[in-house]
Amino acid sequence: MFLNSFIKLIIIFSATSLLLGCKADSLEIKLSDKDIQSAIAGEAVAIDFEAEFSMLGELDDENKATLDQLLVLAEEFLSLDDFEIAKGDFGAKVLLEGSIPLTANPEEESPWYVSVSPYDSEFYIVQLKTGTKFDRLESAMSDINFLLSADPFHPIKYKLKAPGSTVIAPAVEIGGITHLYYAEKIDNRLTMNFSGGPFDSTGGGFLVKFK
């Protein structure tokens, strides 16, 4: 679901040159300790996401025709999820809701997914990554229009429910405060923001140790 919503969004606004860059304004992912543990055990897990993008201008007939071609391409990857276009102060806002794979499989095919892997004997690392189909997606989009490009990395907010678990996160913003190094046992929930700097070229992520 996440894949198709994301592809559909990128397709629409890259094709029409209306997207203000290919990065999301925000990408929020909700997950829990049970989700992570299920993924570690090899189960198929899908976690909820919300994404918001900004755009300017309106779609004309030519761009809509290009859009139709690209939507056919998106259908090849997964069934499309719904999205909403809302009016913003300087244009439109695109709001998405769906799901993204959470997996311990390093060979995950989805263009975007959340990876779980051992870090040491106690901690696991959770991180947004691109899968094996990302390059294929970019190539297929370029075949339609050489200006099309999918961005692999986005500002990301994790909403983690993991009572009693210990979290370690680098360069993270929590509750309006930026931490070079954050390491705490959380009571119940924790919201972590990763954006800018190194996260322009790598997926935001954190370490977690379960109680």
Protein backbone atom coordinates (compact mmCIF):
# COMPACT_ATOMS: atom_id res chain seq x y z
CA MET A 1 0.00 0.00 0.00
CA PHE A 2 2.75 2.42 0.95
CA LEU A 3 4.67 1.58 -2.19
CA ASN A 4 1.76 2.30 -4.49
CA SER A 5 0.72 5.48 -2.72
CA PHE A 6 4.30 6.71 -2.81
CA ILE A 7 4.78 5.79 -6.46
CA LYS A 8 1.47 7.40 -7.38
CA LEU A 9 2.42 10.60 -5.59
CA ILE A 10 5.88 10.83 -7.16
CA ILE A 11 4.47 9.99 -10.58
CA ILE A 12 1.79 12.66 -10.51
CA PHE A 13 3.89 15.57 -9.42
CA SER A 14 7.24 14.72 -10.96
CA ALA A 15 5.53 14.29 -14.32
CA THR A 16 3.81 17.65 -14.08
CA SER A 17 6.80 19.55 -12.66
CA LEU A 18 4.54 20.76 -9.84
CA LEU A 19 6.21 19.01 -6.94
CA LEU A 20 8.45 21.20 -4.82
CA GLY A 21 11.33 18.77 -4.96
CA CYS A 22 10.90 14.99 -4.75
CA LYS A 23 11.12 14.79 -0.98
CA ALA A 24 8.12 14.58 1.27
CA ASP A 25 7.47 17.50 3.62
CA SER A 26 6.86 14.84 6.23
CA LEU A 27 6.70 11.06 6.40
CA GLU A 28 5.28 9.63 9.61
CA ILE A 29 5.59 5.92 10.38
CA LYS A 30 3.88 4.21 13.31
CA LEU A 31 5.27 0.99 14.76
CA SER A 32 5.50 -0.94 18.01
CA ASP A 33 7.81 -3.33 19.81
CA LYS A 34 5.44 -6.16 18.81
CA ASP A 35 5.72 -5.15 15.14
CA ILE A 36 9.51 -5.19 15.31
CA GLN A 37 9.65 -8.51 17.15
CA SER A 38 7.26 -10.07 14.62
CA ALA A 39 9.49 -8.90 11.77
CA ILE A 40 12.56 -10.32 13.53
CA ALA A 41 10.71 -13.65 13.76
CA GLY A 42 10.30 -13.61 9.98
CA GLU A 43 6.63 -12.64 9.84
CA ALA A 44 5.23 -10.36 7.14
CA VAL A 45 4.50 -7.02 8.83
CA ALA A 46 2.94 -3.87 7.38
CA ILE A 47 3.07 -0.67 9.45
CA ASP A 48 1.02 2.50 9.05
CA PHE A 49 2.34 5.69 7.48
CA GLU A 50 1.15 9.22 6.72
CA ALA A 51 2.95 11.44 4.20
CA GLU A 52 2.54 15.04 3.05
CA PHE A 53 3.92 16.73 -0.06
CA SER A 54 3.66 20.31 -1.37
CA MET A 55 2.89 21.29 -4.95
CA LEU A 56 2.23 24.39 -7.04
CA GLY A 57 0.04 24.99 -10.06
CA GLU A 58 -2.61 22.89 -11.76
CA LEU A 59 -2.63 19.83 -14.02
CA ASP A 60 -3.19 20.57 -17.73
CA ASP A 61 -4.34 18.11 -20.41
CA GLU A 62 -0.84 17.22 -21.55
CA ASN A 63 0.33 16.48 -18.03
CA LYS A 64 -2.79 14.46 -17.32
CA ALA A 65 -2.00 12.31 -20.37
CA THR A 66 1.50 11.68 -19.01
CA LEU A 67 -0.04 10.91 -15.64
CA ASP A 68 -2.22 8.18 -17.20
CA GLN A 69 0.88 6.44 -18.59
CA LEU A 70 2.63 6.61 -15.24
CA LEU A 71 -0.34 5.28 -13.31
CA VAL A 72 -0.23 2.20 -15.54
CA LEU A 73 3.42 1.81 -14.51
CA ALA A 74 2.52 2.15 -10.84
CA GLU A 75 -0.04 -0.64 -11.17
CA GLU A 76 2.80 -2.98 -12.15
CA PHE A 77 4.35 -2.63 -8.70
CA LEU A 78 1.32 -2.88 -6.41
CA SER A 79 -2.34 -1.92 -6.18
CA LEU A 80 -2.70 1.83 -5.60
CA ASP A 81 -3.89 3.33 -2.33
CA ASP A 82 -6.03 6.45 -2.04
CA PHE A 83 -4.67 9.95 -1.47
CA GLU A 84 -6.10 13.42 -0.90
CA ILE A 85 -5.19 16.76 -2.47
CA ALA A 86 -5.99 19.68 -0.15
CA LYS A 87 -5.62 23.42 -0.61
CA GLY A 88 -2.56 24.96 1.05
CA ASP A 89 -1.35 28.54 1.61
CA PHE A 90 0.88 28.57 -1.51
CA GLY A 91 -0.59 25.76 -3.55
CA ALA A 92 -1.87 22.29 -2.84
CA LYS A 93 -0.96 19.72 -0.22
CA VAL A 94 -0.93 16.04 -1.03
CA LEU A 95 -1.82 13.84 1.94
CA LEU A 96 -1.21 10.09 1.91
CA GLU A 97 -2.09 7.24 4.24
CA GLY A 98 -1.15 3.62 3.80
CA SER A 99 1.30 0.98 4.94
CA ILE A 100 4.94 0.11 4.40
CA PRO A 101 6.71 -3.26 4.82
CA LEU A 102 8.65 -3.83 8.05
CA THR A 103 11.04 -6.74 7.50
CA ALA A 104 14.26 -8.45 8.53
CA ASN A 105 14.76 -9.64 4.95
CA PRO A 106 17.78 -7.82 3.45
CA GLU A 107 16.58 -8.79 -0.04
CA GLU A 108 13.20 -7.05 0.29
CA GLU A 109 11.98 -6.01 -3.16
CA SER A 110 9.74 -3.05 -2.25
CA PRO A 111 11.24 0.27 -3.42
CA TRP A 112 10.80 1.60 0.14
CA TYR A 113 10.61 -0.41 3.36
CA VAL A 114 11.64 -0.31 7.03
CA SER A 115 14.48 -2.71 7.76
CA VAL A 116 15.13 -4.52 11.05
CA SER A 117 18.51 -6.17 11.66
CA PRO A 118 20.74 -7.13 14.60
CA TYR A 119 23.18 -4.44 15.70
CA ASP A 120 24.91 -6.36 18.50
CA SER A 121 23.93 -8.99 21.06
CA GLU A 122 21.23 -6.72 22.58
CA PHE A 123 20.14 -4.05 20.13
CA TYR A 124 18.36 -4.10 16.77
CA ILE A 125 18.63 -1.34 14.19
CA VAL A 126 15.44 -0.04 12.55
CA GLN A 127 15.92 2.08 9.41
CA LEU A 128 14.13 3.30 6.29
CA LYS A 129 15.71 1.71 3.20
CA THR A 130 15.14 1.17 -0.50
CA GLY A 131 14.64 -2.30 -1.91
CA THR A 132 15.68 -4.07 -5.08
CA LYS A 133 12.84 -2.61 -7.16
CA PHE A 134 13.83 1.02 -6.53
CA ASP A 135 16.30 1.20 -9.43
CA ARG A 136 13.84 -0.58 -11.70
CA LEU A 137 11.20 1.97 -10.77
CA GLU A 138 13.52 4.89 -11.53
CA SER A 139 14.51 3.38 -14.87
CA ALA A 140 10.90 2.76 -15.88
CA MET A 141 9.93 6.31 -14.93
CA SER A 142 12.83 7.73 -16.94
CA ASP A 143 11.69 5.76 -19.97
CA ILE A 144 8.44 7.73 -19.85
CA ASN A 145 10.07 11.10 -19.12
CA PHE A 146 13.80 11.65 -18.52
CA LEU A 147 12.97 14.35 -15.95
CA LEU A 148 11.25 11.88 -13.64
CA SER A 149 13.10 10.85 -10.50
CA ALA A 150 12.14 9.09 -7.28
CA ASP A 151 13.91 10.28 -4.13
CA PRO A 152 15.10 7.40 -1.93
CA PHE A 153 15.25 9.44 1.30
CA HIS A 154 12.74 11.64 3.08
CA PRO A 155 12.38 13.52 6.39
CA ILE A 156 10.94 10.85 8.65
CA LYS A 157 9.09 10.79 11.94
CA TYR A 158 8.83 7.50 13.83
CA LYS A 159 6.06 7.07 16.38
CA LEU A 160 7.23 4.10 18.44
CA LYS A 161 5.17 2.29 21.07
CA ALA A 162 7.55 0.12 23.08
CA PRO A 163 6.99 0.30 26.88
CA GLY A 164 10.19 -0.32 28.83
CA SER A 165 12.40 -0.59 25.77
CA THR A 166 15.71 1.26 25.43
CA VAL A 167 16.20 3.46 22.37
CA ILE A 168 19.42 4.93 20.98
CA ALA A 169 19.20 7.49 18.17
CA PRO A 170 21.76 9.85 16.55
CA ALA A 171 21.05 13.41 15.40
CA VAL A 172 17.40 13.17 16.37
CA GLU A 173 14.77 15.74 17.35
CA ILE A 174 12.51 14.71 20.21
CA GLY A 175 9.90 16.99 21.72
CA GLY A 176 11.39 20.06 20.03
CA ILE A 177 14.91 19.34 21.32
CA THR A 178 17.69 18.14 19.01
CA HIS A 179 20.01 15.47 20.41
CA LEU A 180 23.41 14.61 18.99
CA TYR A 181 23.05 11.27 20.80
CA TYR A 182 19.87 10.12 22.47
CA ALA A 183 19.82 7.02 24.72
CA GLU A 184 16.92 6.44 27.09
CA LYS A 185 14.52 3.79 28.34
CA ILE A 186 11.06 4.92 27.23
CA ASP A 187 7.96 4.72 29.43
CA ASN A 188 5.45 3.97 26.69
CA ARG A 189 5.70 5.95 23.43
CA LEU A 190 8.43 7.97 21.74
CA THR A 191 8.28 10.28 18.72
CA MET A 192 11.58 10.72 16.85
CA ASN A 193 12.21 13.16 13.97
CA PHE A 194 15.06 12.67 11.50
CA SER A 195 15.58 15.35 8.84
CA GLY A 196 18.28 17.32 7.03
CA GLY A 197 22.02 16.83 7.14
CA PRO A 198 23.00 13.14 6.86
CA PHE A 199 19.35 12.15 6.39
CA ASP A 200 19.37 13.77 2.95
CA SER A 201 21.47 10.82 1.81
CA THR A 202 20.54 8.01 4.19
CA GLY A 203 17.35 6.72 5.75
CA GLY A 204 16.61 7.83 9.31
CA GLY A 205 16.74 5.07 11.92
CA PHE A 206 17.33 4.09 15.53
CA LEU A 207 18.51 1.25 17.77
CA VAL A 208 16.13 -0.54 20.13
CA LYS A 209 16.61 -3.05 22.94
CA PHE A 210 13.53 -4.73 24.34
CA LYS A 211 12.96 -5.03 28.07
